[in-house]
Amino acid sequence: MTSATPAPARATAYDTLLARARAGGLGPDPAAQRISVAFTTRQAVRHDGRGGGYRNEVLSLRLAGAVGSCAVEPGALPDTAVEDCAGADVARLLAHPLPAVRVAALDAYLMHAAPHTPANGALPVPLPGGTSLEKSRARARAVVELLDLPPGAVVLVVGVVNSLLEQLRSRGLRYVPCDLKGGLTEWGESVVTDAIGAAGRCDALLVSGMTLGNGTFEPLREHALRRGKQLVVFAQTGSAVLPRFLGHGVSAVCAEPYPFFWLDGGPGVLHRYRAGRPGGAR
């Protein structure tokens, strides 16, 4: 008879999780783990049939077989960051002055220590191949299905992705789009820039993992925890980090580690987590 696999430890705050990782409390000694490859991915997107486009820039770090990532505002990452990370030990990068490096290093370390598997609480969801827009819509369905809300409920969407808004509209859900860049959605709706200011008038939160890198995740998590609201995260950034907050303000995570859906037209896989799911005590 084999014993059950211990569930990865949960965390009550991002800084607490980071400190525990640096102390070696979440896996192997981080000072003995070295990043073999560091790279950035830059892209510009304009889907067929959509009026606007956007740009992405992501820092990724490879630790053994795991890749951790953190999205940044295009042009914000110094060119020296990649060279600084390649060959560095994880302990040093967990204390790096750049938040994006700390997030990517923590993501790689936690994915190495506890990968996205059913034993660690992850439910794999196949992502079919197709055009960039088809794959974007398929991912959006997988994300929005994690919300348990009646029609007419209002969702704060932090990190505007038009396919997500489209899915919410199709389910009769209303939303407040929020992004630090502001602007307009595909349907001409104004995008607010103050997430916490808008959260009070919303029934649930649908949040990009990019909030980890720009420092806005913790206030959103605390708001959801305090008010008893659902907080669902769609995570390319910090896909192995954010499931650690299940039950502590985060109700569900759709984790998408590198390679991301927009990199090619082939099939892929997403990993969904829900608070309270057997085996999912991250």
Protein backbone atom coordinates (compact mmCIF):
# COMPACT_ATOMS: atom_id res chain seq x y z
CA MET A 1 0.00 0.00 0.00
CA THR A 2 1.45 3.36 -1.04
CA SER A 3 0.97 6.55 0.89
CA ALA A 4 -0.80 9.53 -0.67
CA THR A 5 1.33 12.19 -2.28
CA PRO A 6 1.55 15.15 0.12
CA ALA A 7 -0.23 18.18 -1.33
CA PRO A 8 2.01 21.17 -2.04
CA ALA A 9 1.81 23.72 0.76
CA ARG A 10 -0.55 26.65 0.45
CA ALA A 11 0.43 30.24 1.12
CA THR A 12 -1.32 33.20 2.67
CA ALA A 13 0.64 35.98 0.90
CA TYR A 14 3.01 36.27 -2.04
CA ASP A 15 5.92 37.62 0.02
CA THR A 16 5.47 34.76 2.49
CA LEU A 17 5.60 32.22 -0.33
CA LEU A 18 8.72 33.85 -1.76
CA ALA A 19 10.46 33.81 1.64
CA ARG A 20 9.62 30.15 2.19
CA ALA A 21 11.02 29.26 -1.23
CA ARG A 22 14.25 31.15 -0.51
CA ALA A 23 14.60 29.25 2.76
CA GLY A 24 14.20 25.91 0.99
CA GLY A 25 10.87 25.20 2.65
CA LEU A 26 9.03 24.34 -0.57
CA GLY A 27 11.45 22.05 -2.34
CA PRO A 28 15.15 21.40 -2.93
CA ASP A 29 17.78 23.90 -1.78
CA PRO A 30 17.34 26.84 -4.20
CA ALA A 31 21.03 27.71 -3.89
CA ALA A 32 21.83 24.34 -5.47
CA GLN A 33 19.42 24.82 -8.40
CA ARG A 34 20.71 26.67 -11.46
CA ILE A 35 18.85 28.26 -14.34
CA SER A 36 20.21 26.74 -17.55
CA VAL A 37 18.36 28.91 -20.07
CA ALA A 38 16.86 32.40 -19.86
CA PHE A 39 14.95 33.92 -22.76
CA THR A 40 12.30 36.43 -23.70
CA THR A 41 9.35 35.98 -26.04
CA ARG A 42 8.00 39.04 -27.82
CA GLN A 43 4.95 39.09 -30.03
CA ALA A 44 2.43 41.37 -31.66
CA VAL A 45 -1.10 40.08 -32.23
CA ARG A 46 -3.92 41.12 -34.54
CA HIS A 47 -6.48 38.32 -34.93
CA ASP A 48 -8.53 38.07 -38.12
CA GLY A 49 -11.90 39.66 -37.57
CA ARG A 50 -10.77 41.77 -34.62
CA GLY A 51 -10.44 45.51 -34.81
CA GLY A 52 -7.46 45.93 -32.50
CA GLY A 53 -4.26 44.19 -31.51
CA TYR A 54 -1.83 43.97 -28.65
CA ARG A 55 1.76 43.11 -27.77
CA ASN A 56 3.24 40.66 -25.30
CA GLU A 57 6.68 40.31 -23.76
CA VAL A 58 7.51 37.44 -21.41
CA LEU A 59 10.63 36.52 -19.47
CA SER A 60 11.09 32.75 -19.13
CA LEU A 61 13.63 30.76 -17.11
CA ARG A 62 14.38 27.06 -17.48
CA LEU A 63 15.22 24.96 -14.44
CA ALA A 64 15.85 21.32 -15.38
CA GLY A 65 12.64 20.29 -17.17
CA ALA A 66 10.54 23.21 -15.89
CA VAL A 67 10.04 26.64 -17.43
CA GLY A 68 8.82 29.55 -15.31
CA SER A 69 7.54 32.78 -16.82
CA CYS A 70 6.54 36.36 -16.04
CA ALA A 71 4.95 38.76 -18.51
CA VAL A 72 6.12 42.36 -18.49
CA GLU A 73 5.08 45.55 -20.21
CA PRO A 74 6.76 45.58 -23.64
CA GLY A 75 10.11 47.32 -23.41
CA ALA A 76 10.18 47.38 -19.60
CA LEU A 77 12.68 44.55 -19.16
CA PRO A 78 16.37 45.58 -19.36
CA ASP A 79 18.39 43.76 -22.02
CA THR A 80 20.79 42.64 -19.30
CA ALA A 81 18.13 40.64 -17.44
CA VAL A 82 18.45 37.53 -19.61
CA GLU A 83 22.25 37.42 -19.31
CA ASP A 84 21.97 38.01 -15.58
CA CYS A 85 19.67 35.01 -15.12
CA ALA A 86 21.37 32.40 -17.30
CA GLY A 87 23.53 30.16 -15.10
CA ALA A 88 22.45 31.88 -11.87
CA ASP A 89 21.26 29.91 -8.88
CA VAL A 90 17.59 30.17 -8.00
CA ALA A 91 18.25 31.52 -4.50
CA ARG A 92 19.96 34.59 -5.95
CA LEU A 93 17.18 35.16 -8.47
CA LEU A 94 14.48 34.89 -5.79
CA ALA A 95 16.11 37.98 -4.27
CA HIS A 96 16.71 39.77 -7.59
CA PRO A 97 15.88 43.50 -7.69
CA LEU A 98 13.56 43.05 -10.70
CA PRO A 99 10.09 41.75 -9.72
CA ALA A 100 9.72 39.93 -13.05
CA VAL A 101 12.89 37.93 -12.41
CA ARG A 102 11.71 36.98 -8.91
CA VAL A 103 8.34 35.81 -10.25
CA ALA A 104 9.83 33.82 -13.15
CA ALA A 105 12.39 32.19 -10.84
CA LEU A 106 9.75 31.28 -8.26
CA ASP A 107 7.51 29.91 -11.02
CA ALA A 108 10.30 27.72 -12.42
CA TYR A 109 11.29 26.52 -8.95
CA LEU A 110 7.75 25.59 -7.90
CA MET A 111 7.02 23.90 -11.23
CA HIS A 112 10.20 21.88 -10.81
CA ALA A 113 9.25 20.94 -7.24
CA ALA A 114 5.54 20.24 -7.92
CA PRO A 115 4.62 20.13 -11.62
CA HIS A 116 1.11 20.41 -13.02
CA THR A 117 -0.15 16.86 -12.40
CA PRO A 118 -3.38 15.37 -11.02
CA ALA A 119 -1.45 14.32 -7.90
CA ASN A 120 -0.79 18.01 -7.28
CA GLY A 121 -4.41 19.01 -7.88
CA ALA A 122 -4.31 19.86 -11.59
CA LEU A 123 -7.01 18.74 -14.02
CA PRO A 124 -5.60 18.71 -17.58
CA VAL A 125 -7.80 20.28 -20.27
CA PRO A 126 -6.83 19.62 -23.91
CA LEU A 127 -6.51 22.74 -26.03
CA PRO A 128 -7.18 21.92 -29.70
CA GLY A 129 -5.02 23.23 -32.50
CA GLY A 130 -6.26 25.93 -34.83
CA THR A 131 -5.85 29.56 -35.77
CA SER A 132 -4.69 32.08 -33.20
CA LEU A 133 -8.28 33.26 -32.68
CA GLU A 134 -9.68 29.72 -32.43
CA LYS A 135 -7.13 28.83 -29.77
CA SER A 136 -7.75 32.10 -27.92
CA ARG A 137 -11.47 31.35 -27.81
CA ALA A 138 -10.91 27.77 -26.66
CA ARG A 139 -8.71 28.98 -23.82
CA ALA A 140 -11.29 31.61 -22.90
CA ARG A 141 -14.00 28.93 -22.58
CA ALA A 142 -11.76 26.87 -20.28
CA VAL A 143 -11.12 29.93 -18.10
CA VAL A 144 -14.67 31.28 -17.87
CA GLU A 145 -16.06 27.82 -17.01
CA LEU A 146 -14.27 28.20 -13.66
CA LEU A 147 -16.65 31.00 -12.67
CA ASP A 148 -19.81 29.87 -10.87
CA LEU A 149 -22.14 32.84 -11.32
CA PRO A 150 -25.77 33.45 -12.32
CA PRO A 151 -26.58 35.48 -15.46
CA GLY A 152 -26.43 39.19 -14.78
CA ALA A 153 -23.57 38.96 -12.27
CA VAL A 154 -20.76 41.47 -12.71
CA VAL A 155 -17.16 40.32 -13.17
CA LEU A 156 -14.09 42.52 -12.79
CA VAL A 157 -11.72 41.45 -15.58
CA VAL A 158 -8.15 42.49 -14.76
CA GLY A 159 -6.02 42.18 -17.87
CA VAL A 160 -8.32 42.72 -20.82
CA VAL A 161 -8.50 39.79 -23.25
CA ASN A 162 -11.29 40.22 -25.78
CA SER A 163 -11.92 36.47 -26.07
CA LEU A 164 -12.62 36.35 -22.33
CA LEU A 165 -15.02 39.27 -22.58
CA GLU A 166 -16.72 37.55 -25.51
CA GLN A 167 -17.20 34.40 -23.41
CA LEU A 168 -18.63 36.38 -20.50
CA ARG A 169 -21.07 38.12 -22.84
CA SER A 170 -22.17 34.75 -24.29
CA ARG A 171 -23.02 33.53 -20.77
CA GLY A 172 -25.09 36.58 -19.88
CA LEU A 173 -22.48 37.92 -17.48
CA ARG A 174 -21.69 41.60 -17.22
CA TYR A 175 -18.16 42.84 -16.67
CA VAL A 176 -15.94 45.79 -15.84
CA PRO A 177 -12.80 45.64 -18.03
CA CYS A 178 -9.64 46.79 -16.26
CA ASP A 179 -6.09 47.21 -17.52
CA LEU A 180 -3.26 49.53 -16.56
CA LYS A 181 -3.07 50.70 -20.18
CA GLY A 182 -6.70 51.81 -20.25
CA GLY A 183 -8.25 52.27 -23.69
CA LEU A 184 -11.33 50.60 -25.19
CA THR A 185 -12.48 47.02 -25.62
CA GLU A 186 -13.39 45.47 -28.97
CA TRP A 187 -16.96 46.67 -28.33
CA GLY A 188 -16.00 50.24 -27.54
CA GLU A 189 -16.31 49.94 -23.77
CA SER A 190 -14.02 52.07 -21.63
CA VAL A 191 -11.29 50.16 -19.80
CA VAL A 192 -10.77 51.31 -16.20
CA THR A 193 -7.27 51.45 -14.73
CA ASP A 194 -7.98 51.19 -10.98
CA ALA A 195 -8.74 47.53 -10.20
CA ILE A 196 -9.29 47.95 -6.46
CA GLY A 197 -11.47 50.97 -7.02
CA ALA A 198 -13.70 48.95 -9.34
CA ALA A 199 -13.68 45.69 -7.35
CA GLY A 200 -16.27 46.84 -4.83
CA ARG A 201 -19.01 47.01 -7.46
CA CYS A 202 -18.29 43.56 -8.88
CA ASP A 203 -19.51 40.12 -7.78
CA ALA A 204 -16.36 38.21 -8.81
CA LEU A 205 -12.84 38.79 -10.11
CA LEU A 206 -11.23 37.29 -13.22
CA VAL A 207 -7.55 38.17 -13.04
CA SER A 208 -4.45 37.78 -15.20
CA GLY A 209 -1.36 36.19 -13.68
CA MET A 210 0.49 39.28 -14.89
CA THR A 211 -0.72 40.96 -11.69
CA LEU A 212 1.99 39.01 -9.85
CA GLY A 213 4.70 40.85 -11.75
CA ASN A 214 3.24 44.34 -11.47
CA GLY A 215 2.42 44.12 -7.77
CA THR A 216 -1.39 44.27 -8.00
CA PHE A 217 -2.17 40.64 -7.15
CA GLU A 218 -2.05 40.89 -3.35
CA PRO A 219 -4.63 43.70 -2.98
CA LEU A 220 -6.99 41.78 -5.28
CA ARG A 221 -6.50 38.53 -3.39
CA GLU A 222 -7.09 40.27 -0.08
CA HIS A 223 -10.26 41.94 -1.42
CA ALA A 224 -11.66 38.59 -2.59
CA LEU A 225 -10.77 36.91 0.70
CA ARG A 226 -12.25 39.70 2.80
CA ARG A 227 -15.48 39.95 0.79
CA GLY A 228 -15.93 36.23 0.10
CA LYS A 229 -15.84 36.70 -3.67
CA GLN A 230 -14.71 34.28 -6.32
CA LEU A 231 -11.28 35.09 -7.73
CA VAL A 232 -10.32 33.09 -10.83
CA VAL A 233 -6.83 33.52 -12.28
CA PHE A 234 -5.77 32.82 -15.87
CA ALA A 235 -2.05 32.30 -15.52
CA GLN A 236 0.71 32.22 -18.07
CA THR A 237 2.71 34.31 -15.63
CA GLY A 238 3.21 32.33 -12.42
CA SER A 239 1.25 29.26 -13.51
CA ALA A 240 2.86 27.19 -10.73
CA VAL A 241 2.78 30.06 -8.21
CA LEU A 242 -0.88 31.03 -8.24
CA PRO A 243 -2.37 27.61 -7.38
CA ARG A 244 -0.55 27.97 -4.04
CA PHE A 245 -3.19 30.55 -3.03
CA LEU A 246 -6.22 28.29 -3.53
CA GLY A 247 -8.49 28.70 -0.54
CA HIS A 248 -6.69 31.88 0.52
CA GLY A 249 -8.53 34.34 -1.71
CA VAL A 250 -8.11 32.37 -4.94
CA SER A 251 -11.00 30.08 -5.87
CA ALA A 252 -9.66 28.64 -9.14
CA VAL A 253 -6.71 28.85 -11.53
CA CYS A 254 -6.36 28.07 -15.22
CA ALA A 255 -2.61 27.47 -15.47
CA GLU A 256 -0.85 27.68 -18.84
CA PRO A 257 2.89 27.17 -18.60
CA TYR A 258 5.24 27.79 -21.51
CA PRO A 259 4.76 27.14 -24.45
CA PHE A 260 1.70 29.39 -24.59
CA PHE A 261 -1.28 28.91 -26.90
CA TRP A 262 -0.26 31.80 -29.14
CA LEU A 263 3.14 30.36 -30.08
CA ASP A 264 1.95 27.79 -32.63
CA GLY A 265 -1.15 26.29 -34.22
CA GLY A 266 -0.83 22.81 -32.72
CA PRO A 267 -2.71 21.29 -29.80
CA GLY A 268 -1.76 22.05 -26.21
CA VAL A 269 -2.95 21.55 -22.67
CA LEU A 270 -4.21 23.78 -19.87
CA HIS A 271 -4.24 22.81 -16.18
CA ARG A 272 -7.23 23.81 -14.08
CA TYR A 273 -7.29 23.96 -10.28
CA ARG A 274 -10.19 24.57 -7.93
CA ALA A 275 -10.12 25.29 -4.20
CA GLY A 276 -11.31 22.30 -2.23
CA ARG A 277 -10.72 19.81 -5.04
CA PRO A 278 -9.29 16.49 -3.75
CA GLY A 279 -5.53 16.56 -4.11
CA GLY A 280 -5.59 20.26 -4.82
CA ALA A 281 -4.34 21.65 -1.52
CA ARG A 282 -1.65 23.80 -3.05
